[in-house]
């Protein structure tokens, strides 16, 4: 019973000693050594960055990250737009556009339509309604601005 406690104390005690030693003594020494080797030309940094594909990989990661954030925001927008409001509360035109596009996509067989597809379909529906309103064929009723 006391043996596992002893090993745990040795582990955590050793970590408490060696982590500060590494952080304050070893890491700066290694960092200075690598910088010195790059400055003297022993390590070709241009080759590592250009041929190693560091910049390409970094650009790809940034684009993927932005795309994931955009899609997450679009999902939150469509969920909040499709959330039922209070009784008797009229939806704003953007919410109506996203809700209508979600209903259309569900009617054609998509069980859970992607948010970006709902958004794009709402844009198309809004453009169609704007074109009809500008053509003067709205049969006497006022069409509100519809779509994101």
N, C-alpha and C. Protein backbone atom coordinates (compact mmCIF):
# COMPACT_ATOMS: atom_id res chain seq x y z
N UNK A 1 0.82 -1.19 0.00
CA UNK A 1 0.00 0.00 0.00
C UNK A 1 0.87 1.26 0.00
N UNK A 2 1.95 1.24 0.72
CA UNK A 2 2.80 2.42 0.81
C UNK A 2 3.74 2.53 -0.39
N UNK A 3 3.93 1.42 -1.11
CA UNK A 3 4.83 1.46 -2.25
C UNK A 3 4.29 2.35 -3.38
N UNK A 4 3.01 2.26 -3.79
CA UNK A 4 2.52 3.19 -4.82
C UNK A 4 2.57 4.65 -4.39
N UNK A 5 2.35 4.90 -3.12
CA UNK A 5 2.42 6.28 -2.63
C UNK A 5 3.86 6.79 -2.72
N UNK A 6 4.81 5.92 -2.40
CA UNK A 6 6.21 6.29 -2.49
C UNK A 6 6.60 6.62 -3.93
N UNK A 7 6.15 5.78 -4.89
CA UNK A 7 6.44 6.04 -6.30
C UNK A 7 5.79 7.33 -6.77
N UNK A 8 4.57 7.60 -6.34
CA UNK A 8 3.89 8.84 -6.71
C UNK A 8 4.64 10.05 -6.17
N UNK A 9 5.08 9.96 -4.91
CA UNK A 9 5.84 11.07 -4.32
C UNK A 9 7.16 11.29 -5.04
N UNK A 10 7.84 10.19 -5.39
CA UNK A 10 9.09 10.32 -6.14
C UNK A 10 8.86 10.95 -7.51
N UNK A 11 7.80 10.54 -8.18
CA UNK A 11 7.50 11.08 -9.50
C UNK A 11 7.21 12.58 -9.41
N UNK A 12 6.25 12.95 -8.56
CA UNK A 12 5.87 14.36 -8.48
C UNK A 12 6.99 15.22 -7.89
N UNK A 13 7.76 14.68 -6.96
CA UNK A 13 8.91 15.40 -6.42
C UNK A 13 9.97 15.63 -7.47
N UNK A 14 10.25 14.60 -8.26
CA UNK A 14 11.21 14.73 -9.35
C UNK A 14 10.75 15.73 -10.40
N UNK A 15 9.45 15.71 -10.72
CA UNK A 15 8.92 16.68 -11.68
C UNK A 15 9.03 18.10 -11.14
N UNK A 16 8.78 18.27 -9.85
CA UNK A 16 8.87 19.59 -9.24
C UNK A 16 10.30 20.13 -9.28
N UNK A 17 11.29 19.24 -9.29
CA UNK A 17 12.69 19.67 -9.36
C UNK A 17 13.14 19.86 -10.81
N UNK A 18 12.83 18.87 -11.69
CA UNK A 18 13.39 18.88 -13.03
C UNK A 18 12.69 19.83 -14.00
N UNK A 19 11.42 20.07 -13.84
CA UNK A 19 10.75 20.99 -14.76
C UNK A 19 11.30 22.42 -14.66
N UNK A 20 11.46 22.98 -13.48
CA UNK A 20 12.08 24.33 -13.44
C UNK A 20 13.52 24.33 -13.94
N UNK A 21 14.28 23.26 -13.65
CA UNK A 21 15.66 23.19 -14.14
C UNK A 21 15.67 23.19 -15.66
N UNK A 22 14.81 22.40 -16.27
CA UNK A 22 14.74 22.36 -17.74
C UNK A 22 14.30 23.70 -18.29
N UNK A 23 13.26 24.29 -17.68
CA UNK A 23 12.68 25.53 -18.19
C UNK A 23 13.67 26.69 -18.11
N UNK A 24 14.39 26.80 -17.01
CA UNK A 24 15.24 27.96 -16.81
C UNK A 24 16.70 27.75 -17.21
N UNK A 25 17.17 26.51 -17.32
CA UNK A 25 18.58 26.27 -17.63
C UNK A 25 18.74 25.59 -18.99
N UNK A 26 18.14 24.46 -19.18
CA UNK A 26 18.38 23.64 -20.37
C UNK A 26 17.75 24.26 -21.62
N UNK A 27 16.48 24.67 -21.54
CA UNK A 27 15.78 25.20 -22.72
C UNK A 27 16.45 26.45 -23.28
N UNK A 28 16.84 27.43 -22.48
CA UNK A 28 17.55 28.59 -23.07
C UNK A 28 18.89 28.20 -23.71
N UNK A 29 19.60 27.25 -23.10
CA UNK A 29 20.86 26.81 -23.67
C UNK A 29 20.64 26.18 -25.05
N UNK A 30 19.65 25.31 -25.16
CA UNK A 30 19.35 24.66 -26.44
C UNK A 30 18.89 25.71 -27.46
N UNK A 31 18.02 26.63 -27.03
CA UNK A 31 17.54 27.68 -27.94
C UNK A 31 18.68 28.54 -28.47
N UNK A 32 19.58 28.96 -27.59
CA UNK A 32 20.72 29.76 -28.03
C UNK A 32 21.62 28.98 -28.98
N UNK A 33 21.81 27.70 -28.72
CA UNK A 33 22.64 26.87 -29.59
C UNK A 33 22.03 26.74 -30.99
N UNK A 34 20.73 26.53 -31.08
CA UNK A 34 20.08 26.39 -32.39
C UNK A 34 20.11 27.72 -33.14
N UNK A 35 19.91 28.83 -32.44
CA UNK A 35 19.97 30.15 -33.09
C UNK A 35 21.38 30.40 -33.62
N UNK A 36 22.38 30.06 -32.86
CA UNK A 36 23.77 30.23 -33.29
C UNK A 36 24.05 29.40 -34.54
N UNK A 37 23.54 28.17 -34.57
CA UNK A 37 23.75 27.31 -35.75
C UNK A 37 23.03 27.86 -36.98
N UNK A 38 21.84 28.46 -36.79
CA UNK A 38 21.13 29.07 -37.93
C UNK A 38 21.87 30.30 -38.44
N UNK A 39 22.42 31.11 -37.52
CA UNK A 39 23.14 32.31 -37.92
C UNK A 39 24.43 31.99 -38.65
N UNK A 40 25.11 30.93 -38.28
CA UNK A 40 26.37 30.57 -38.96
C UNK A 40 26.12 29.83 -40.26
N UNK A 41 24.91 29.41 -40.52
CA UNK A 41 24.61 28.71 -41.76
C UNK A 41 24.72 27.21 -41.66
N UNK A 42 24.99 26.71 -40.48
CA UNK A 42 25.08 25.26 -40.29
C UNK A 42 23.72 24.60 -40.49
N UNK A 43 22.68 25.30 -40.08
CA UNK A 43 21.31 24.85 -40.33
C UNK A 43 20.72 25.79 -41.37
N UNK A 44 20.30 25.25 -42.50
CA UNK A 44 19.74 26.07 -43.58
C UNK A 44 18.25 26.29 -43.30
N UNK A 45 17.93 27.40 -42.70
CA UNK A 45 16.56 27.69 -42.31
C UNK A 45 15.66 27.92 -43.53
N UNK A 46 16.22 28.52 -44.58
CA UNK A 46 15.42 28.76 -45.79
C UNK A 46 14.96 27.43 -46.40
N UNK A 47 15.85 26.47 -46.43
CA UNK A 47 15.49 25.16 -46.96
C UNK A 47 14.39 24.52 -46.11
N UNK A 48 14.55 24.61 -44.79
CA UNK A 48 13.56 24.00 -43.90
C UNK A 48 12.18 24.63 -44.09
N UNK A 49 12.15 25.95 -44.27
CA UNK A 49 10.87 26.63 -44.41
C UNK A 49 10.28 26.49 -45.81
N UNK A 50 11.13 26.63 -46.84
CA UNK A 50 10.61 26.56 -48.21
C UNK A 50 10.33 25.14 -48.66
N UNK A 51 11.34 24.28 -48.58
CA UNK A 51 11.20 22.91 -49.07
C UNK A 51 10.44 22.03 -48.10
N UNK A 52 10.48 22.37 -46.85
CA UNK A 52 9.79 21.56 -45.86
C UNK A 52 8.28 21.75 -45.89
N UNK A 53 7.81 22.77 -46.58
CA UNK A 53 6.38 22.99 -46.71
C UNK A 53 5.74 23.61 -45.47
N UNK A 54 6.54 24.30 -44.67
CA UNK A 54 6.00 24.87 -43.44
C UNK A 54 4.95 25.93 -43.75
N UNK A 55 5.27 26.82 -44.70
CA UNK A 55 4.33 27.89 -45.02
C UNK A 55 3.06 27.36 -45.65
N UNK A 56 3.19 26.37 -46.54
CA UNK A 56 2.00 25.79 -47.16
C UNK A 56 1.12 25.10 -46.12
N UNK A 57 1.73 24.37 -45.23
CA UNK A 57 0.98 23.68 -44.19
C UNK A 57 0.30 24.68 -43.26
N UNK A 58 1.01 25.75 -42.92
CA UNK A 58 0.43 26.78 -42.07
C UNK A 58 -0.74 27.46 -42.75
N UNK A 59 -0.61 27.77 -44.03
CA UNK A 59 -1.72 28.39 -44.76
C UNK A 59 -2.92 27.45 -44.84
N UNK A 60 -2.68 26.18 -45.08
CA UNK A 60 -3.77 25.21 -45.14
C UNK A 60 -4.49 25.10 -43.80
N UNK A 61 -3.72 25.09 -42.72
CA UNK A 61 -4.33 25.00 -41.39
C UNK A 61 -5.18 26.22 -41.08
N UNK A 62 -4.69 27.40 -41.47
CA UNK A 62 -5.45 28.63 -41.21
C UNK A 62 -6.75 28.62 -42.01
N UNK A 63 -6.68 28.22 -43.27
CA UNK A 63 -7.89 28.18 -44.10
C UNK A 63 -8.90 27.18 -43.53
N UNK A 64 -8.44 26.01 -43.14
CA UNK A 64 -9.34 25.00 -42.56
C UNK A 64 -9.95 25.51 -41.26
N UNK A 65 -9.15 26.18 -40.45
CA UNK A 65 -9.66 26.73 -39.19
C UNK A 65 -10.73 27.78 -39.44
N UNK A 66 -10.48 28.70 -40.38
CA UNK A 66 -11.48 29.72 -40.71
C UNK A 66 -12.75 29.08 -41.26
N UNK A 67 -12.60 28.06 -42.10
CA UNK A 67 -13.76 27.39 -42.67
C UNK A 67 -14.59 26.72 -41.58
N UNK A 68 -13.92 26.07 -40.63
CA UNK A 68 -14.64 25.42 -39.53
C UNK A 68 -15.38 26.44 -38.68
N UNK A 69 -14.74 27.57 -38.40
CA UNK A 69 -15.40 28.60 -37.61
C UNK A 69 -16.59 29.19 -38.36
N UNK A 70 -16.44 29.40 -39.68
CA UNK A 70 -17.54 29.94 -40.47
C UNK A 70 -18.72 28.97 -40.47
N UNK A 71 -18.45 27.69 -40.67
CA UNK A 71 -19.53 26.72 -40.69
C UNK A 71 -20.20 26.59 -39.32
N UNK A 72 -19.42 26.71 -38.26
CA UNK A 72 -20.01 26.66 -36.92
C UNK A 72 -20.91 27.86 -36.69
N UNK A 73 -20.47 29.04 -37.14
CA UNK A 73 -21.30 30.24 -36.99
C UNK A 73 -22.57 30.13 -37.84
N UNK A 74 -22.43 29.55 -39.03
CA UNK A 74 -23.61 29.38 -39.88
C UNK A 74 -24.59 28.41 -39.24
N UNK A 75 -24.09 27.37 -38.60
CA UNK A 75 -24.96 26.43 -37.91
C UNK A 75 -25.69 27.08 -36.76
N UNK A 76 -24.98 27.93 -36.01
CA UNK A 76 -25.63 28.63 -34.91
C UNK A 76 -26.68 29.60 -35.44
N UNK A 77 -26.38 30.25 -36.57
CA UNK A 77 -27.34 31.19 -37.16
C UNK A 77 -28.60 30.47 -37.61
N UNK A 78 -28.44 29.34 -38.27
CA UNK A 78 -29.63 28.63 -38.75
C UNK A 78 -30.42 28.03 -37.59
N UNK A 79 -29.74 27.56 -36.55
CA UNK A 79 -30.47 27.03 -35.39
C UNK A 79 -31.22 28.13 -34.66
N UNK A 80 -30.59 29.28 -34.52
CA UNK A 80 -31.28 30.37 -33.83
C UNK A 80 -32.41 30.92 -34.68
N UNK A 81 -32.24 30.90 -35.99
CA UNK A 81 -33.31 31.39 -36.86
C UNK A 81 -34.48 30.42 -36.90
N UNK A 82 -34.21 29.14 -36.76
CA UNK A 82 -35.29 28.16 -36.83
C UNK A 82 -35.90 27.89 -35.46
N UNK A 83 -35.38 28.52 -34.41
CA UNK A 83 -35.95 28.34 -33.08
C UNK A 83 -37.32 29.02 -33.04
N UNK A 84 -38.30 28.34 -32.47
CA UNK A 84 -39.63 28.94 -32.44
C UNK A 84 -39.65 30.17 -31.54
N UNK A 85 -40.33 31.22 -32.01
CA UNK A 85 -40.45 32.44 -31.23
C UNK A 85 -41.64 32.37 -30.30
N UNK A 86 -41.95 33.49 -29.68
CA UNK A 86 -43.10 33.55 -28.78
C UNK A 86 -44.38 33.47 -29.60
N UNK A 87 -45.47 33.12 -28.95
CA UNK A 87 -46.74 32.99 -29.65
C UNK A 87 -47.15 34.33 -30.25
N UNK A 88 -47.53 34.29 -31.49
CA UNK A 88 -48.00 35.49 -32.17
C UNK A 88 -46.87 36.40 -32.63
N UNK A 89 -45.66 36.02 -32.42
CA UNK A 89 -44.53 36.86 -32.81
C UNK A 89 -44.19 36.59 -34.28
N UNK A 90 -44.10 37.65 -35.05
CA UNK A 90 -43.74 37.51 -36.45
C UNK A 90 -42.22 37.37 -36.57
N UNK A 91 -41.79 36.50 -37.47
CA UNK A 91 -40.37 36.32 -37.70
C UNK A 91 -39.86 37.43 -38.60
N UNK A 92 -38.63 37.81 -38.43
CA UNK A 92 -38.06 38.80 -39.33
C UNK A 92 -37.79 38.13 -40.68
N UNK A 93 -37.62 38.90 -41.75
CA UNK A 93 -37.47 38.31 -43.10
C UNK A 93 -36.28 37.36 -43.22
N UNK A 94 -35.18 37.65 -42.54
CA UNK A 94 -34.02 36.75 -42.63
C UNK A 94 -34.34 35.40 -42.01
N UNK A 95 -34.99 35.42 -40.85
CA UNK A 95 -35.38 34.16 -40.21
C UNK A 95 -36.37 33.39 -41.06
N UNK A 96 -37.30 34.13 -41.68
CA UNK A 96 -38.27 33.46 -42.56
C UNK A 96 -37.56 32.82 -43.74
N UNK A 97 -36.55 33.50 -44.30
CA UNK A 97 -35.82 32.96 -45.44
C UNK A 97 -35.08 31.69 -45.07
N UNK A 98 -34.41 31.69 -43.93
CA UNK A 98 -33.66 30.49 -43.50
C UNK A 98 -34.62 29.37 -43.15
N UNK A 99 -35.73 29.70 -42.49
CA UNK A 99 -36.73 28.68 -42.14
C UNK A 99 -37.36 28.08 -43.40
N UNK A 100 -37.69 28.93 -44.37
CA UNK A 100 -38.29 28.44 -45.62
C UNK A 100 -37.30 27.56 -46.38
N UNK A 101 -36.05 27.98 -46.43
CA UNK A 101 -35.06 27.18 -47.15
C UNK A 101 -34.83 25.84 -46.45
N UNK A 102 -34.86 25.83 -45.11
CA UNK A 102 -34.75 24.56 -44.38
C UNK A 102 -35.91 23.64 -44.67
N UNK A 103 -37.11 24.21 -44.75
CA UNK A 103 -38.29 23.41 -45.06
C UNK A 103 -38.23 22.84 -46.48
N UNK A 104 -37.75 23.65 -47.41
CA UNK A 104 -37.64 23.18 -48.80
C UNK A 104 -36.62 22.04 -48.88
N UNK A 105 -35.49 22.21 -48.22
CA UNK A 105 -34.47 21.16 -48.27
C UNK A 105 -34.94 19.88 -47.58
N UNK A 106 -35.71 20.01 -46.51
CA UNK A 106 -36.26 18.83 -45.85
C UNK A 106 -37.31 18.16 -46.74
N UNK A 107 -38.04 18.96 -47.50
CA UNK A 107 -39.07 18.41 -48.39
C UNK A 107 -38.47 17.62 -49.54
N UNK A 108 -37.26 17.98 -49.96
CA UNK A 108 -36.65 17.23 -51.07
C UNK A 108 -35.84 16.03 -50.58
N UNK A 109 -35.83 15.80 -49.26
CA UNK A 109 -35.25 14.57 -48.77
C UNK A 109 -34.03 14.70 -47.87
N UNK A 110 -33.56 15.89 -47.62
CA UNK A 110 -32.43 16.05 -46.68
C UNK A 110 -32.97 16.05 -45.26
N UNK A 111 -32.52 15.10 -44.46
CA UNK A 111 -33.04 15.00 -43.09
C UNK A 111 -32.56 16.16 -42.23
N UNK A 112 -31.27 16.45 -42.30
CA UNK A 112 -30.70 17.55 -41.53
C UNK A 112 -29.86 18.39 -42.49
N UNK A 113 -30.47 19.38 -43.15
CA UNK A 113 -29.74 20.14 -44.16
C UNK A 113 -28.61 20.95 -43.54
N UNK A 114 -27.46 21.01 -44.23
CA UNK A 114 -26.34 21.80 -43.73
C UNK A 114 -26.68 23.28 -43.67
N UNK A 115 -26.09 23.98 -42.72
CA UNK A 115 -26.41 25.38 -42.52
C UNK A 115 -26.01 26.23 -43.71
N UNK A 116 -24.87 25.95 -44.31
CA UNK A 116 -24.42 26.77 -45.43
C UNK A 116 -25.35 26.59 -46.62
N UNK A 117 -25.90 25.38 -46.80
CA UNK A 117 -26.85 25.15 -47.88
C UNK A 117 -28.14 25.90 -47.63
N UNK A 118 -28.60 25.91 -46.38
CA UNK A 118 -29.80 26.69 -46.04
C UNK A 118 -29.57 28.16 -46.31
N UNK A 119 -28.41 28.66 -45.94
CA UNK A 119 -28.10 30.07 -46.13
C UNK A 119 -28.07 30.43 -47.61
N UNK A 120 -27.43 29.60 -48.42
CA UNK A 120 -27.34 29.88 -49.86
C UNK A 120 -28.72 29.81 -50.52
N UNK A 121 -29.54 28.83 -50.12
CA UNK A 121 -30.89 28.74 -50.68
C UNK A 121 -31.72 29.94 -50.26
N UNK A 122 -31.55 30.42 -49.03
CA UNK A 122 -32.26 31.62 -48.59
C UNK A 122 -31.83 32.84 -49.40
N UNK A 123 -30.55 32.91 -49.75
CA UNK A 123 -30.08 34.01 -50.61
C UNK A 123 -30.75 33.94 -51.97
N UNK A 124 -30.84 32.74 -52.54
CA UNK A 124 -31.46 32.58 -53.85
C UNK A 124 -32.94 32.94 -53.79
N UNK A 125 -33.63 32.48 -52.75
CA UNK A 125 -35.05 32.83 -52.60
C UNK A 125 -35.22 34.34 -52.45
N UNK A 126 -34.36 34.98 -51.69
CA UNK A 126 -34.43 36.43 -51.53
C UNK A 126 -34.20 37.16 -52.84
N UNK A 127 -33.25 36.68 -53.64
CA UNK A 127 -32.99 37.29 -54.94
C UNK A 127 -34.19 37.12 -55.86
N UNK A 128 -34.81 35.94 -55.83
CA UNK A 128 -35.99 35.71 -56.67
C UNK A 128 -37.13 36.64 -56.27
N UNK A 129 -37.36 36.82 -54.97
CA UNK A 129 -38.43 37.70 -54.53
C UNK A 129 -38.12 39.16 -54.84
N UNK A 130 -36.86 39.54 -54.72
CA UNK A 130 -36.49 40.91 -55.07
C UNK A 130 -36.69 41.18 -56.55
N UNK A 131 -36.36 40.20 -57.40
CA UNK A 131 -36.56 40.36 -58.84
C UNK A 131 -38.04 40.47 -59.16
N UNK A 132 -38.87 39.69 -58.48
CA UNK A 132 -40.31 39.75 -58.73
C UNK A 132 -40.87 41.09 -58.25
N UNK A 133 -40.39 41.59 -57.12
CA UNK A 133 -40.87 42.87 -56.61
C UNK A 133 -40.45 44.01 -57.52
N UNK A 134 -39.24 43.91 -58.09
CA UNK A 134 -38.76 44.95 -58.99
C UNK A 134 -39.45 44.89 -60.34
N UNK A 135 -39.95 43.74 -60.73
CA UNK A 135 -40.63 43.60 -62.01
C UNK A 135 -42.04 44.17 -61.95
N UNK A 136 -42.55 44.42 -60.75
CA UNK A 136 -43.88 45.00 -60.63
C UNK A 136 -45.00 43.98 -60.70
N UNK A 137 -44.72 42.71 -60.52
CA UNK A 137 -45.75 41.68 -60.59
C UNK A 137 -46.08 41.13 -59.22
N UNK A 138 -46.17 42.02 -58.23
CA UNK A 138 -46.44 41.54 -56.89
C UNK A 138 -47.93 41.56 -56.55
N UNK A 139 -48.77 41.78 -57.51
CA UNK A 139 -50.24 41.69 -57.39
C UNK A 139 -50.79 42.54 -56.24
N UNK A 140 -50.23 43.69 -56.02
CA UNK A 140 -50.81 44.64 -55.07
C UNK A 140 -50.42 44.46 -53.62
N UNK A 141 -49.61 43.49 -53.26
CA UNK A 141 -49.19 43.40 -51.87
C UNK A 141 -47.69 43.64 -51.78
N UNK A 142 -47.28 44.13 -50.66
CA UNK A 142 -45.89 44.53 -50.46
C UNK A 142 -45.07 43.33 -50.00
N UNK A 143 -44.02 43.00 -50.73
CA UNK A 143 -43.16 41.87 -50.38
C UNK A 143 -42.02 42.40 -49.54
N UNK A 144 -41.85 41.89 -48.30
CA UNK A 144 -40.73 42.36 -47.49
C UNK A 144 -39.41 41.80 -48.01
N UNK A 145 -38.32 42.43 -47.59
CA UNK A 145 -37.00 41.92 -47.97
C UNK A 145 -36.83 40.55 -47.33
N UNK A 146 -36.46 39.57 -48.14
CA UNK A 146 -36.48 38.16 -47.73
C UNK A 146 -35.13 37.56 -48.02
N UNK A 147 -34.46 37.04 -47.04
CA UNK A 147 -33.18 36.38 -47.27
C UNK A 147 -32.10 37.02 -46.44
N UNK A 148 -31.02 36.30 -46.29
CA UNK A 148 -29.92 36.81 -45.47
C UNK A 148 -29.13 37.90 -46.17
